[in-house]
Amino acid sequence: MLKGTRDGILKRVQPVSIHGQVSWDIYFTDLGDESGQTHLARVGPEAVVGHKLEPGDHIQLEYLVGVPVKVTRVVPGP
């Protein structure tokens, strides 16, 4: 995928420090297959919109050239 989005259900967020640079490992499953394979996206905290993610949240990940560049919590509509 050169550019696109992917919806998922957040399983957990794990902070990771590599040589003092903090990143977040975002573990998620596909939206329609919550019991399926768990995927991992490593992003900087600045890539998470609002900086508030909780397990079970519906999230949307934006990809550019196959790399996750933005994670957004999707708020359910009325």
PDB file of N, CA and C in Angstrom:
ATOM      1  N   MET A   1       0.844  -1.164   0.000  1.00  0.00           N
ATOM      2  CA  MET A   1       0.000   0.000   0.000  1.00  0.00           C
ATOM      3  C   MET A   1       0.897   1.237   0.000  1.00  0.00           C
ATOM      4  N   LEU A   2       0.804   2.011  -1.055  1.00  0.00           N
ATOM      5  CA  LEU A   2       1.599   3.234  -1.103  1.00  0.00           C
ATOM      6  C   LEU A   2       1.046   4.303  -0.178  1.00  0.00           C
ATOM      7  N   LYS A   3      -0.270   4.498  -0.230  1.00  0.00           N
ATOM      8  CA  LYS A   3      -0.921   5.463   0.643  1.00  0.00           C
ATOM      9  C   LYS A   3      -2.319   4.968   0.926  1.00  0.00           C
ATOM     10  N   GLY A   4      -2.719   4.981   2.190  1.00  0.00           N
ATOM     11  CA  GLY A   4      -4.053   4.532   2.526  1.00  0.00           C
ATOM     12  C   GLY A   4      -4.272   4.464   4.015  1.00  0.00           C
ATOM     13  N   THR A   5      -5.429   3.931   4.392  1.00  0.00           N
ATOM     14  CA  THR A   5      -5.770   3.802   5.802  1.00  0.00           C
ATOM     15  C   THR A   5      -6.175   2.369   6.108  1.00  0.00           C
ATOM     16  N   ARG A   6      -6.122   2.063   7.398  1.00  0.00           N
ATOM     17  CA  ARG A   6      -6.504   0.735   7.869  1.00  0.00           C
ATOM     18  C   ARG A   6      -7.208   0.914   9.209  1.00  0.00           C
ATOM     19  N   ASP A   7      -8.393   0.316   9.358  1.00  0.00           N
ATOM     20  CA  ASP A   7      -9.138   0.388  10.610  1.00  0.00           C
ATOM     21  C   ASP A   7      -8.837  -0.838  11.456  1.00  0.00           C
ATOM     22  N   GLY A   8      -8.801  -0.623  12.762  1.00  0.00           N
ATOM     23  CA  GLY A   8      -8.517  -1.733  13.654  1.00  0.00           C
ATOM     24  C   GLY A   8      -9.066  -1.501  15.046  1.00  0.00           C
ATOM     25  N   ILE A   9      -8.899  -2.511  15.883  1.00  0.00           N
ATOM     26  CA  ILE A   9      -9.256  -2.443  17.291  1.00  0.00           C
ATOM     27  C   ILE A   9      -7.957  -2.519  18.088  1.00  0.00           C
ATOM     28  N   LEU A  10      -7.719  -1.502  18.905  1.00  0.00           N
ATOM     29  CA  LEU A  10      -6.484  -1.424  19.683  1.00  0.00           C
ATOM     30  C   LEU A  10      -6.456  -2.505  20.755  1.00  0.00           C
ATOM     31  N   LYS A  11      -5.361  -3.231  20.822  1.00  0.00           N
ATOM     32  CA  LYS A  11      -5.175  -4.243  21.856  1.00  0.00           C
ATOM     33  C   LYS A  11      -4.320  -3.707  22.997  1.00  0.00           C
ATOM     34  N   ARG A  12      -3.208  -3.041  22.652  1.00  0.00           N
ATOM     35  CA  ARG A  12      -2.371  -2.422  23.689  1.00  0.00           C
ATOM     36  C   ARG A  12      -1.385  -1.456  23.059  1.00  0.00           C
ATOM     37  N   VAL A  13      -0.850  -0.584  23.911  1.00  0.00           N
ATOM     38  CA  VAL A  13       0.188   0.369  23.518  1.00  0.00           C
ATOM     39  C   VAL A  13       1.374   0.122  24.434  1.00  0.00           C
ATOM     40  N   GLN A  14       2.543  -0.065  23.848  1.00  0.00           N
ATOM     41  CA  GLN A  14       3.758  -0.343  24.622  1.00  0.00           C
ATOM     42  C   GLN A  14       4.810   0.701  24.289  1.00  0.00           C
ATOM     43  N   PRO A  15       5.182   1.554  25.255  1.00  0.00           N
ATOM     44  CA  PRO A  15       6.279   2.498  24.989  1.00  0.00           C
ATOM     45  C   PRO A  15       7.602   1.743  24.843  1.00  0.00           C
ATOM     46  N   VAL A  16       8.426   2.190  23.914  1.00  0.00           N
ATOM     47  CA  VAL A  16       9.726   1.578  23.654  1.00  0.00           C
ATOM     48  C   VAL A  16      10.763   2.688  23.571  1.00  0.00           C
ATOM     49  N   SER A  17      11.882   2.513  24.247  1.00  0.00           N
ATOM     50  CA  SER A  17      12.966   3.496  24.169  1.00  0.00           C
ATOM     51  C   SER A  17      14.156   2.846  23.482  1.00  0.00           C
ATOM     52  N   ILE A  18      14.560   3.430  22.366  1.00  0.00           N
ATOM     53  CA  ILE A  18      15.719   2.940  21.626  1.00  0.00           C
ATOM     54  C   ILE A  18      16.740   4.061  21.602  1.00  0.00           C
ATOM     55  N   HIS A  19      17.833   3.879  22.330  1.00  0.00           N
ATOM     56  CA  HIS A  19      18.886   4.897  22.452  1.00  0.00           C
ATOM     57  C   HIS A  19      18.312   6.243  22.903  1.00  0.00           C
ATOM     58  N   GLY A  20      17.333   6.192  23.818  1.00  0.00           N
ATOM     59  CA  GLY A  20      16.742   7.401  24.365  1.00  0.00           C
ATOM     60  C   GLY A  20      15.602   7.987  23.550  1.00  0.00           C
ATOM     61  N   GLN A  21      15.351   7.478  22.352  1.00  0.00           N
ATOM     62  CA  GLN A  21      14.246   7.952  21.513  1.00  0.00           C
ATOM     63  C   GLN A  21      13.012   7.103  21.811  1.00  0.00           C
ATOM     64  N   VAL A  22      11.966   7.745  22.313  1.00  0.00           N
ATOM     65  CA  VAL A  22      10.756   7.008  22.688  1.00  0.00           C
ATOM     66  C   VAL A  22       9.850   6.829  21.477  1.00  0.00           C
ATOM     67  N   SER A  23       9.386   5.603  21.300  1.00  0.00           N
ATOM     68  CA  SER A  23       8.388   5.258  20.277  1.00  0.00           C
ATOM     69  C   SER A  23       7.292   4.473  20.969  1.00  0.00           C
ATOM     70  N   TRP A  24       6.167   4.333  20.289  1.00  0.00           N
ATOM     71  CA  TRP A  24       5.067   3.526  20.815  1.00  0.00           C
ATOM     72  C   TRP A  24       4.814   2.368  19.869  1.00  0.00           C
ATOM     73  N   ASP A  25       4.741   1.163  20.430  1.00  0.00           N
ATOM     74  CA  ASP A  25       4.312  -0.002  19.671  1.00  0.00           C
ATOM     75  C   ASP A  25       2.803  -0.115  19.833  1.00  0.00           C
ATOM     76  N   ILE A  26       2.090  -0.035  18.719  1.00  0.00           N
ATOM     77  CA  ILE A  26       0.634  -0.102  18.703  1.00  0.00           C
ATOM     78  C   ILE A  26       0.247  -1.502  18.229  1.00  0.00           C
ATOM     79  N   TYR A  27      -0.352  -2.284  19.120  1.00  0.00           N
ATOM     80  CA  TYR A  27      -0.804  -3.628  18.780  1.00  0.00           C
ATOM     81  C   TYR A  27      -2.305  -3.559  18.490  1.00  0.00           C
ATOM     82  N   PHE A  28      -2.715  -4.080  17.341  1.00  0.00           N
ATOM     83  CA  PHE A  28      -4.122  -4.002  16.958  1.00  0.00           C
ATOM     84  C   PHE A  28      -4.514  -5.195  16.105  1.00  0.00           C
ATOM     85  N   THR A  29      -5.831  -5.418  16.030  1.00  0.00           N
ATOM     86  CA  THR A  29      -6.384  -6.426  15.129  1.00  0.00           C
ATOM     87  C   THR A  29      -7.249  -5.716  14.105  1.00  0.00           C
ATOM     88  N   ASP A  30      -7.539  -6.392  13.010  1.00  0.00           N
ATOM     89  CA  ASP A  30      -8.409  -5.807  11.994  1.00  0.00           C
ATOM     90  C   ASP A  30      -9.800  -5.592  12.580  1.00  0.00           C
ATOM     91  N   LEU A  31     -10.465  -4.556  12.138  1.00  0.00           N
ATOM     92  CA  LEU A  31     -11.772  -4.167  12.670  1.00  0.00           C
ATOM     93  C   LEU A  31     -12.794  -5.294  12.568  1.00  0.00           C
ATOM     94  N   GLY A  32     -12.848  -5.979  11.463  1.00  0.00           N
ATOM     95  CA  GLY A  32     -13.842  -7.034  11.285  1.00  0.00           C
ATOM     96  C   GLY A  32     -13.439  -8.386  11.833  1.00  0.00           C
ATOM     97  N   ASP A  33     -12.225  -8.502  12.377  1.00  0.00           N
ATOM     98  CA  ASP A  33     -11.704  -9.797  12.820  1.00  0.00           C
ATOM     99  C   ASP A  33     -10.942  -9.622  14.128  1.00  0.00           C
ATOM    100  N   GLU A  34     -11.668  -9.287  15.214  1.00  0.00           N
ATOM    101  CA  GLU A  34     -11.036  -8.975  16.494  1.00  0.00           C
ATOM    102  C   GLU A  34     -10.272 -10.139  17.107  1.00  0.00           C
ATOM    103  N   SER A  35     -10.642 -11.364  16.778  1.00  0.00           N
ATOM    104  CA  SER A  35      -9.939 -12.518  17.331  1.00  0.00           C
ATOM    105  C   SER A  35      -8.855 -13.021  16.381  1.00  0.00           C
ATOM    106  N   GLY A  36      -8.619 -12.288  15.294  1.00  0.00           N
ATOM    107  CA  GLY A  36      -7.626 -12.690  14.298  1.00  0.00           C
ATOM    108  C   GLY A  36      -6.212 -12.279  14.673  1.00  0.00           C
ATOM    109  N   GLN A  37      -5.370 -12.234  13.684  1.00  0.00           N
ATOM    110  CA  GLN A  37      -3.958 -11.924  13.855  1.00  0.00           C
ATOM    111  C   GLN A  37      -3.763 -10.532  14.444  1.00  0.00           C
ATOM    112  N   THR A  38      -2.816 -10.418  15.375  1.00  0.00           N
ATOM    113  CA  THR A  38      -2.459  -9.123  15.956  1.00  0.00           C
ATOM    114  C   THR A  38      -1.351  -8.508  15.113  1.00  0.00           C
ATOM    115  N   HIS A  39      -1.524  -7.244  14.760  1.00  0.00           N
ATOM    116  CA  HIS A  39      -0.554  -6.511  13.958  1.00  0.00           C
ATOM    117  C   HIS A  39       0.179  -5.502  14.838  1.00  0.00           C
ATOM    118  N   LEU A  40       1.337  -5.066  14.398  1.00  0.00           N
ATOM    119  CA  LEU A  40       2.146  -4.111  15.147  1.00  0.00           C
ATOM    120  C   LEU A  40       2.503  -2.929  14.254  1.00  0.00           C
ATOM    121  N   ALA A  41       2.343  -1.735  14.801  1.00  0.00           N
ATOM    122  CA  ALA A  41       2.786  -0.516  14.123  1.00  0.00           C
ATOM    123  C   ALA A  41       3.622   0.269  15.124  1.00  0.00           C
ATOM    124  N   ARG A  42       4.838   0.647  14.762  1.00  0.00           N
ATOM    125  CA  ARG A  42       5.697   1.444  15.646  1.00  0.00           C
ATOM    126  C   ARG A  42       5.685   2.881  15.148  1.00  0.00           C
ATOM    127  N   VAL A  43       5.261   3.792  16.023  1.00  0.00           N
ATOM    128  CA  VAL A  43       5.181   5.204  15.665  1.00  0.00           C
ATOM    129  C   VAL A  43       5.753   6.046  16.799  1.00  0.00           C
ATOM    130  N   GLY A  44       6.105   7.278  16.480  1.00  0.00           N
ATOM    131  CA  GLY A  44       6.485   8.231  17.509  1.00  0.00           C
ATOM    132  C   GLY A  44       5.237   8.752  18.188  1.00  0.00           C
ATOM    133  N   PRO A  45       5.328   9.200  19.442  1.00  0.00           N
ATOM    134  CA  PRO A  45       4.145   9.693  20.141  1.00  0.00           C
ATOM    135  C   PRO A  45       3.478  10.874  19.434  1.00  0.00           C
ATOM    136  N   GLU A  46       4.232  11.624  18.648  1.00  0.00           N
ATOM    137  CA  GLU A  46       3.665  12.754  17.907  1.00  0.00           C
ATOM    138  C   GLU A  46       2.738  12.306  16.783  1.00  0.00           C
ATOM    139  N   ALA A  47       2.794  11.038  16.400  1.00  0.00           N
ATOM    140  CA  ALA A  47       1.946  10.520  15.330  1.00  0.00           C
ATOM    141  C   ALA A  47       0.568  10.094  15.837  1.00  0.00           C
ATOM    142  N   VAL A  48       0.378  10.089  17.160  1.00  0.00           N
ATOM    143  CA  VAL A  48      -0.897   9.681  17.747  1.00  0.00           C
ATOM    144  C   VAL A  48      -1.725  10.928  18.018  1.00  0.00           C
ATOM    145  N   VAL A  49      -2.827  11.070  17.318  1.00  0.00           N
ATOM    146  CA  VAL A  49      -3.695  12.233  17.461  1.00  0.00           C
ATOM    147  C   VAL A  49      -4.365  12.189  18.834  1.00  0.00           C
ATOM    148  N   GLY A  50      -4.174  13.235  19.642  1.00  0.00           N
ATOM    149  CA  GLY A  50      -4.786  13.311  20.963  1.00  0.00           C
ATOM    150  C   GLY A  50      -4.000  12.616  22.057  1.00  0.00           C
ATOM    151  N   HIS A  51      -3.072  11.768  21.723  1.00  0.00           N
ATOM    152  CA  HIS A  51      -2.213  11.049  22.667  1.00  0.00           C
ATOM    153  C   HIS A  51      -2.986  10.217  23.692  1.00  0.00           C
ATOM    154  N   LYS A  52      -4.262   9.935  23.439  1.00  0.00           N
ATOM    155  CA  LYS A  52      -5.042   9.135  24.385  1.00  0.00           C
ATOM    156  C   LYS A  52      -5.636   7.943  23.657  1.00  0.00           C
ATOM    157  N   LEU A  53      -5.073   6.786  23.917  1.00  0.00           N
ATOM    158  CA  LEU A  53      -5.574   5.544  23.347  1.00  0.00           C
ATOM    159  C   LEU A  53      -5.779   4.553  24.477  1.00  0.00           C
ATOM    160  N   GLU A  54      -6.877   3.824  24.415  1.00  0.00           N
ATOM    161  CA  GLU A  54      -7.191   2.804  25.406  1.00  0.00           C
ATOM    162  C   GLU A  54      -7.470   1.490  24.684  1.00  0.00           C
ATOM    163  N   PRO A  55      -7.081   0.355  25.286  1.00  0.00           N
ATOM    164  CA  PRO A  55      -7.411  -0.927  24.676  1.00  0.00           C
ATOM    165  C   PRO A  55      -8.913  -1.025  24.407  1.00  0.00           C
ATOM    166  N   GLY A  56      -9.250  -1.555  23.240  1.00  0.00           N
ATOM    167  CA  GLY A  56     -10.644  -1.673  22.824  1.00  0.00           C
ATOM    168  C   GLY A  56     -11.105  -0.532  21.936  1.00  0.00           C
ATOM    169  N   ASP A  57     -10.303   0.545  21.838  1.00  0.00           N
ATOM    170  CA  ASP A  57     -10.656   1.673  20.971  1.00  0.00           C
ATOM    171  C   ASP A  57     -10.633   1.266  19.506  1.00  0.00           C
ATOM    172  N   HIS A  58     -11.562   1.831  18.741  1.00  0.00           N
ATOM    173  CA  HIS A  58     -11.532   1.713  17.278  1.00  0.00           C
ATOM    174  C   HIS A  58     -10.526   2.752  16.812  1.00  0.00           C
ATOM    175  N   ILE A  59      -9.503   2.320  16.097  1.00  0.00           N
ATOM    176  CA  ILE A  59      -8.464   3.237  15.623  1.00  0.00           C
ATOM    177  C   ILE A  59      -8.359   3.177  14.109  1.00  0.00           C
ATOM    178  N   GLN A  60      -7.808   4.237  13.547  1.00  0.00           N
ATOM    179  CA  GLN A  60      -7.520   4.270  12.116  1.00  0.00           C
ATOM    180  C   GLN A  60      -6.048   4.631  11.962  1.00  0.00           C
ATOM    181  N   LEU A  61      -5.328   3.827  11.202  1.00  0.00           N
ATOM    182  CA  LEU A  61      -3.924   4.071  10.939  1.00  0.00           C
ATOM    183  C   LEU A  61      -3.774   4.553   9.511  1.00  0.00           C
ATOM    184  N   GLU A  62      -3.005   5.604   9.321  1.00  0.00           N
ATOM    185  CA  GLU A  62      -2.704   6.108   7.984  1.00  0.00           C
ATOM    186  C   GLU A  62      -1.307   5.646   7.607  1.00  0.00           C
ATOM    187  N   TYR A  63      -1.187   5.161   6.391  1.00  0.00           N
ATOM    188  CA  TYR A  63       0.083   4.643   5.883  1.00  0.00           C
ATOM    189  C   TYR A  63       0.562   5.471   4.702  1.00  0.00           C
ATOM    190  N   LEU A  64       1.869   5.616   4.611  1.00  0.00           N
ATOM    191  CA  LEU A  64       2.501   6.261   3.466  1.00  0.00           C
ATOM    192  C   LEU A  64       3.692   5.393   3.083  1.00  0.00           C
ATOM    193  N   VAL A  65       3.700   4.893   1.881  1.00  0.00           N
ATOM    194  CA  VAL A  65       4.725   3.977   1.380  1.00  0.00           C
ATOM    195  C   VAL A  65       4.892   2.786   2.333  1.00  0.00           C
ATOM    196  N   GLY A  66       3.756   2.272   2.816  1.00  0.00           N
ATOM    197  CA  GLY A  66       3.759   1.087   3.661  1.00  0.00           C
ATOM    198  C   GLY A  66       4.170   1.314   5.102  1.00  0.00           C
ATOM    199  N   VAL A  67       4.395   2.561   5.509  1.00  0.00           N
ATOM    200  CA  VAL A  67       4.844   2.882   6.860  1.00  0.00           C
ATOM    201  C   VAL A  67       3.739   3.641   7.585  1.00  0.00           C
ATOM    202  N   PRO A  68       3.389   3.224   8.824  1.00  0.00           N
ATOM    203  CA  PRO A  68       2.361   3.970   9.557  1.00  0.00           C
ATOM    204  C   PRO A  68       2.879   5.356   9.942  1.00  0.00           C
ATOM    205  N   VAL A  69       2.081   6.394   9.632  1.00  0.00           N
ATOM    206  CA  VAL A  69       2.509   7.770   9.913  1.00  0.00           C
ATOM    207  C   VAL A  69       1.548   8.512  10.841  1.00  0.00           C
ATOM    208  N   LYS A  70       0.351   7.939  11.081  1.00  0.00           N
ATOM    209  CA  LYS A  70      -0.622   8.616  11.935  1.00  0.00           C
ATOM    210  C   LYS A  70      -1.610   7.593  12.485  1.00  0.00           C
ATOM    211  N   VAL A  71      -1.939   7.750  13.779  1.00  0.00           N
ATOM    212  CA  VAL A  71      -2.927   6.886  14.426  1.00  0.00           C
ATOM    213  C   VAL A  71      -3.981   7.797  15.051  1.00  0.00           C
ATOM    214  N   THR A  72      -5.241   7.531  14.720  1.00  0.00           N
ATOM    215  CA  THR A  72      -6.345   8.346  15.203  1.00  0.00           C
ATOM    216  C   THR A  72      -7.383   7.457  15.876  1.00  0.00           C
ATOM    217  N   ARG A  73      -7.867   7.870  17.033  1.00  0.00           N
ATOM    218  CA  ARG A  73      -8.973   7.169  17.695  1.00  0.00           C
ATOM    219  C   ARG A  73     -10.260   7.584  16.980  1.00  0.00           C
ATOM    220  N   VAL A  74     -11.037   6.600  16.562  1.00  0.00           N
ATOM    221  CA  VAL A  74     -12.295   6.869  15.868  1.00  0.00           C
ATOM    222  C   VAL A  74     -13.418   6.876  16.893  1.00  0.00           C
ATOM    223  N   VAL A  75     -14.109   8.013  16.996  1.00  0.00           N
ATOM    224  CA  VAL A  75     -15.219   8.143  17.938  1.00  0.00           C
ATOM    225  C   VAL A  75     -16.494   7.649  17.259  1.00  0.00           C
ATOM    226  N   PRO A  76     -17.210   6.722  17.896  1.00  0.00           N
ATOM    227  CA  PRO A  76     -18.436   6.213  17.280  1.00  0.00           C
ATOM    228  C   PRO A  76     -19.467   7.327  17.108  1.00  0.00           C
ATOM    229  N   GLY A  77     -20.140   7.308  15.973  1.00  0.00           N
ATOM    230  CA  GLY A  77     -21.167   8.298  15.671  1.00  0.00           C
ATOM    231  C   GLY A  77     -22.480   7.974  16.371  1.00  0.00           C
ATOM    232  N   PRO A  78     -23.428   8.886  16.306  1.00  0.00           N
ATOM    233  CA  PRO A  78     -24.720   8.676  16.976  1.00  0.00           C
ATOM    234  C   PRO A  78     -25.557   7.597  16.351  1.00  0.00           C
TER     235      PRO A  78
END
